[in-house]
Amino acid sequence: MAFLAGDRWKLYLQGMGTTLGLTVSALVIGVVLGVLVAVVRSAHDQQRVGRRSFALGVVNAVCKLYTTVIRGTPMLVQLLIWGFVIFKTSRNRFFVGMLGLGINSGAYVAEIVRGGLMSVDAGQSEAGRSLGLGYIDTMWHIVIPQAFKNILPSLGNEFIVLFKDTSLVSSIGAAEVLYYAEAVGAKTYEYMFPYIGIAVMYLVFCILFTWLQSKLERRLRASDRR
């Protein structure tokens, strides 16, 4: 009744497709936001005493406020605000959920990237600047590639956490896998099997993502040894 009758298994597959789409889209938004925020905060912290930029200080304050508010409030509350306050007239629940998840992820990715940038020896930046590269070119071509290997495990974990957190967008009406499981449960008056079914689906995908992450990390370590 929960999976085979009426081809209900197709609903779970459709919902999982939406879940994966939400995860990838939100992570792209989160990475873009996170890198921008991390670069701004790193640039502000690396300013020399007496040569601080007022404009950069203002932008840095905005970035700090963003990370503080997002990391200090529950994701579910943020999604409810996005869905029923800011975009209350929007019917595109996928877009609203993607935006809410992406902005939430960006605050955490920002701290991950900032930690990775700080882990790179300061001499690398100085070497780039001594070669005539500007700050942006130095970060893009020298610092960020080295920091990427350091932050890859944390980014992989963020992707897995984000994948599981997509279940929260059902609260604003987005048709992902939990949404369809609840619909099947309401139709059959039995919620145990739909919920256990999607729990197994989440577990299988998380195991797969963890395996892919570990394989990528081993390949990067092998390239370092060469």
Protein backbone atom coordinates (compact mmCIF):
# COMPACT_ATOMS: atom_id res chain seq x y z
CA MET A 1 0.00 0.00 0.00
CA ALA A 2 2.80 2.41 0.83
CA PHE A 3 5.01 1.70 -2.20
CA LEU A 4 3.48 -0.52 -4.87
CA ALA A 5 -0.24 0.26 -4.99
CA GLY A 6 -1.06 2.95 -7.53
CA ASP A 7 2.63 3.15 -8.55
CA ARG A 8 3.32 5.21 -5.44
CA TRP A 9 7.02 4.36 -5.68
CA LYS A 10 7.19 6.87 -8.51
CA LEU A 11 6.24 9.61 -6.06
CA TYR A 12 9.23 8.77 -3.88
CA LEU A 13 11.57 8.87 -6.86
CA GLN A 14 10.09 12.18 -8.00
CA GLY A 15 10.47 13.56 -4.50
CA MET A 16 14.06 12.35 -4.23
CA GLY A 17 14.86 14.01 -7.54
CA THR A 18 13.53 17.29 -6.15
CA THR A 19 15.53 16.74 -2.96
CA LEU A 20 18.77 16.24 -4.88
CA GLY A 21 18.03 19.28 -7.04
CA LEU A 22 17.41 21.38 -3.93
CA THR A 23 20.63 20.15 -2.35
CA VAL A 24 22.87 20.91 -5.33
CA SER A 25 21.24 24.28 -6.06
CA ALA A 26 21.36 25.38 -2.43
CA LEU A 27 24.98 24.28 -2.07
CA VAL A 28 25.96 26.32 -5.15
CA ILE A 29 24.31 29.39 -3.62
CA GLY A 30 25.93 28.61 -0.27
CA VAL A 31 29.42 28.20 -1.74
CA VAL A 32 29.19 31.44 -3.75
CA LEU A 33 27.93 33.38 -0.73
CA GLY A 34 30.36 31.66 1.61
CA VAL A 35 33.42 32.36 -0.53
CA LEU A 36 32.45 36.03 -0.93
CA VAL A 37 31.86 36.49 2.79
CA ALA A 38 35.04 34.61 3.71
CA VAL A 39 37.18 36.66 1.30
CA VAL A 40 35.74 39.92 2.63
CA ARG A 41 36.33 38.96 6.24
CA SER A 42 39.83 37.66 5.50
CA ALA A 43 40.71 40.83 3.59
CA HIS A 44 39.46 42.94 6.51
CA ASP A 45 41.47 40.97 9.06
CA GLN A 46 44.65 41.21 6.97
CA GLN A 47 44.61 44.99 6.72
CA ARG A 48 47.59 46.78 8.14
CA VAL A 49 47.17 49.01 11.17
CA GLY A 50 46.64 52.60 10.05
CA ARG A 51 45.63 51.60 6.52
CA ARG A 52 42.16 50.23 7.18
CA SER A 53 39.43 50.84 4.60
CA PHE A 54 36.19 52.29 5.93
CA ALA A 55 34.12 50.76 3.10
CA LEU A 56 35.63 47.33 3.72
CA GLY A 57 34.88 47.72 7.40
CA VAL A 58 31.20 48.39 6.65
CA VAL A 59 30.96 45.38 4.32
CA ASN A 60 32.72 43.23 6.92
CA ALA A 61 30.21 44.32 9.57
CA VAL A 62 27.34 43.33 7.25
CA CYS A 63 28.97 39.93 6.67
CA LYS A 64 29.43 39.37 10.40
CA LEU A 65 25.80 40.31 11.02
CA TYR A 66 24.69 37.90 8.29
CA THR A 67 26.63 34.95 9.71
CA THR A 68 25.56 35.74 13.28
CA VAL A 69 21.85 35.96 12.47
CA ILE A 70 21.75 32.92 10.18
CA ARG A 71 23.81 30.67 12.44
CA GLY A 72 21.96 31.85 15.54
CA THR A 73 18.42 31.07 14.38
CA PRO A 74 16.83 27.70 13.46
CA MET A 75 16.68 26.82 9.78
CA LEU A 76 13.00 25.88 10.08
CA VAL A 77 12.15 29.35 11.35
CA GLN A 78 14.13 30.91 8.50
CA LEU A 79 12.28 28.80 5.94
CA LEU A 80 8.93 29.77 7.43
CA ILE A 81 9.90 33.45 7.19
CA TRP A 82 10.99 33.01 3.57
CA GLY A 83 7.90 31.02 2.65
CA PHE A 84 5.12 32.77 4.54
CA VAL A 85 6.44 36.31 5.08
CA ILE A 86 8.87 37.38 2.36
CA PHE A 87 7.57 35.22 -0.50
CA LYS A 88 4.08 34.54 0.82
CA THR A 89 2.48 35.13 -2.60
CA SER A 90 4.96 32.98 -4.52
CA ARG A 91 3.79 29.62 -5.83
CA ASN A 92 7.29 28.47 -6.69
CA ARG A 93 8.00 26.64 -3.46
CA PHE A 94 11.11 25.02 -4.95
CA PHE A 95 12.71 28.42 -5.53
CA VAL A 96 11.78 29.65 -2.04
CA GLY A 97 13.18 26.50 -0.43
CA MET A 98 16.33 26.65 -2.54
CA LEU A 99 16.92 30.28 -1.60
CA GLY A 100 16.31 29.68 2.10
CA LEU A 101 18.58 26.64 2.22
CA GLY A 102 21.28 28.36 0.16
CA ILE A 103 21.39 31.47 2.33
CA ASN A 104 21.51 29.34 5.46
CA SER A 105 24.28 27.18 4.04
CA GLY A 106 26.26 30.25 2.98
CA ALA A 107 26.77 31.34 6.59
CA TYR A 108 28.28 27.98 7.52
CA VAL A 109 30.33 27.69 4.33
CA ALA A 110 31.72 31.17 5.01
CA GLU A 111 33.22 30.03 8.30
CA ILE A 112 34.50 26.81 6.70
CA VAL A 113 36.20 28.73 3.89
CA ARG A 114 37.54 31.40 6.24
CA GLY A 115 39.11 28.69 8.39
CA GLY A 116 40.63 27.14 5.28
CA LEU A 117 42.07 30.47 4.13
CA MET A 118 43.56 31.07 7.57
CA SER A 119 45.19 27.62 7.47
CA VAL A 120 47.31 28.60 4.44
CA ASP A 121 50.67 30.04 5.42
CA ALA A 122 50.78 33.81 5.18
CA GLY A 123 53.99 33.54 3.20
CA GLN A 124 52.00 32.22 0.25
CA SER A 125 50.07 35.49 0.00
CA GLU A 126 53.23 37.52 0.42
CA ALA A 127 54.92 35.52 -2.33
CA GLY A 128 52.01 36.20 -4.68
CA ARG A 129 52.05 39.90 -3.93
CA SER A 130 55.82 40.03 -4.43
CA LEU A 131 55.30 38.59 -7.91
CA GLY A 132 53.08 41.53 -8.77
CA LEU A 133 49.70 39.83 -8.32
CA GLY A 134 46.82 41.78 -6.83
CA TYR A 135 44.88 40.63 -3.80
CA ILE A 136 42.11 38.97 -5.82
CA ASP A 137 44.54 37.20 -8.18
CA THR A 138 46.62 36.02 -5.23
CA MET A 139 43.57 34.61 -3.49
CA TRP A 140 42.16 33.00 -6.64
CA HIS A 141 45.34 31.45 -8.06
CA ILE A 142 47.42 30.72 -4.94
CA VAL A 143 45.52 30.74 -1.64
CA ILE A 144 42.09 29.30 -2.51
CA PRO A 145 43.43 26.22 -4.39
CA GLN A 146 45.54 25.30 -1.36
CA ALA A 147 42.71 26.03 1.06
CA PHE A 148 40.30 23.87 -0.96
CA LYS A 149 42.08 20.66 0.05
CA ASN A 150 41.85 21.66 3.69
CA ILE A 151 38.16 22.49 3.60
CA LEU A 152 37.03 19.61 1.37
CA PRO A 153 36.04 17.30 4.27
CA SER A 154 34.01 20.07 5.91
CA LEU A 155 32.36 20.98 2.60
CA GLY A 156 31.47 17.33 2.08
CA ASN A 157 29.89 17.22 5.51
CA GLU A 158 27.98 20.42 4.76
CA PHE A 159 26.61 18.84 1.58
CA ILE A 160 25.39 15.80 3.52
CA VAL A 161 23.83 17.95 6.25
CA LEU A 162 22.16 20.11 3.61
CA PHE A 163 20.84 17.00 1.85
CA LYS A 164 19.12 15.89 5.04
CA ASP A 165 17.90 19.40 5.88
CA THR A 166 15.97 19.60 2.61
CA SER A 167 13.25 17.66 4.43
CA LEU A 168 12.41 20.92 6.21
CA VAL A 169 11.15 22.59 3.02
CA SER A 170 8.04 20.41 3.17
CA SER A 171 6.92 22.83 5.89
CA ILE A 172 6.44 25.53 3.23
CA GLY A 173 4.80 23.20 0.72
CA ALA A 174 7.77 22.20 -1.46
CA ALA A 175 7.13 18.80 -3.05
CA GLU A 176 10.26 16.88 -2.00
CA VAL A 177 10.47 13.30 -0.76
CA LEU A 178 9.07 13.94 2.75
CA TYR A 179 6.14 15.83 1.24
CA TYR A 180 5.18 12.80 -0.83
CA ALA A 181 5.71 10.41 2.09
CA GLU A 182 3.26 12.46 4.14
CA ALA A 183 0.81 12.47 1.23
CA VAL A 184 1.01 8.68 0.95
CA GLY A 185 0.57 8.32 4.70
CA ALA A 186 -2.50 10.52 4.63
CA LYS A 187 -3.92 8.44 1.77
CA THR A 188 -3.28 5.03 3.36
CA TYR A 189 -3.75 6.10 7.01
CA GLU A 190 -0.42 4.45 7.76
CA TYR A 191 2.67 6.62 8.24
CA MET A 192 5.18 4.08 9.53
CA PHE A 193 6.14 2.48 6.21
CA PRO A 194 6.39 5.73 4.17
CA TYR A 195 8.58 7.31 6.85
CA ILE A 196 10.79 4.24 7.24
CA GLY A 197 11.05 4.03 3.46
CA ILE A 198 12.34 7.56 3.02
CA ALA A 199 14.64 7.13 6.04
CA VAL A 200 16.27 4.22 4.21
CA MET A 201 16.52 6.32 1.06
CA TYR A 202 18.25 9.14 2.95
CA LEU A 203 20.61 6.64 4.58
CA VAL A 204 21.59 5.02 1.28
CA PHE A 205 22.33 8.37 -0.37
CA CYS A 206 24.31 9.61 2.65
CA ILE A 207 26.44 6.43 2.59
CA LEU A 208 27.02 6.94 -1.14
CA PHE A 209 27.99 10.61 -0.69
CA THR A 210 30.34 9.73 2.17
CA TRP A 211 32.03 7.08 0.02
CA LEU A 212 32.46 9.51 -2.89
CA GLN A 213 33.87 12.13 -0.54
CA SER A 214 36.42 9.73 0.94
CA LYS A 215 37.43 8.58 -2.55
CA LEU A 216 38.01 12.19 -3.66
CA GLU A 217 40.04 12.91 -0.54
CA ARG A 218 42.25 9.87 -1.18
CA ARG A 219 42.84 11.00 -4.75
CA LEU A 220 43.84 14.48 -3.60
CA ARG A 221 46.23 13.03 -1.01
CA ALA A 222 47.75 10.81 -3.69
CA SER A 223 48.34 13.84 -5.92
CA ASP A 224 50.11 15.57 -3.01
CA ARG A 225 52.49 12.63 -2.61
CA ARG A 226 53.34 12.72 -6.32
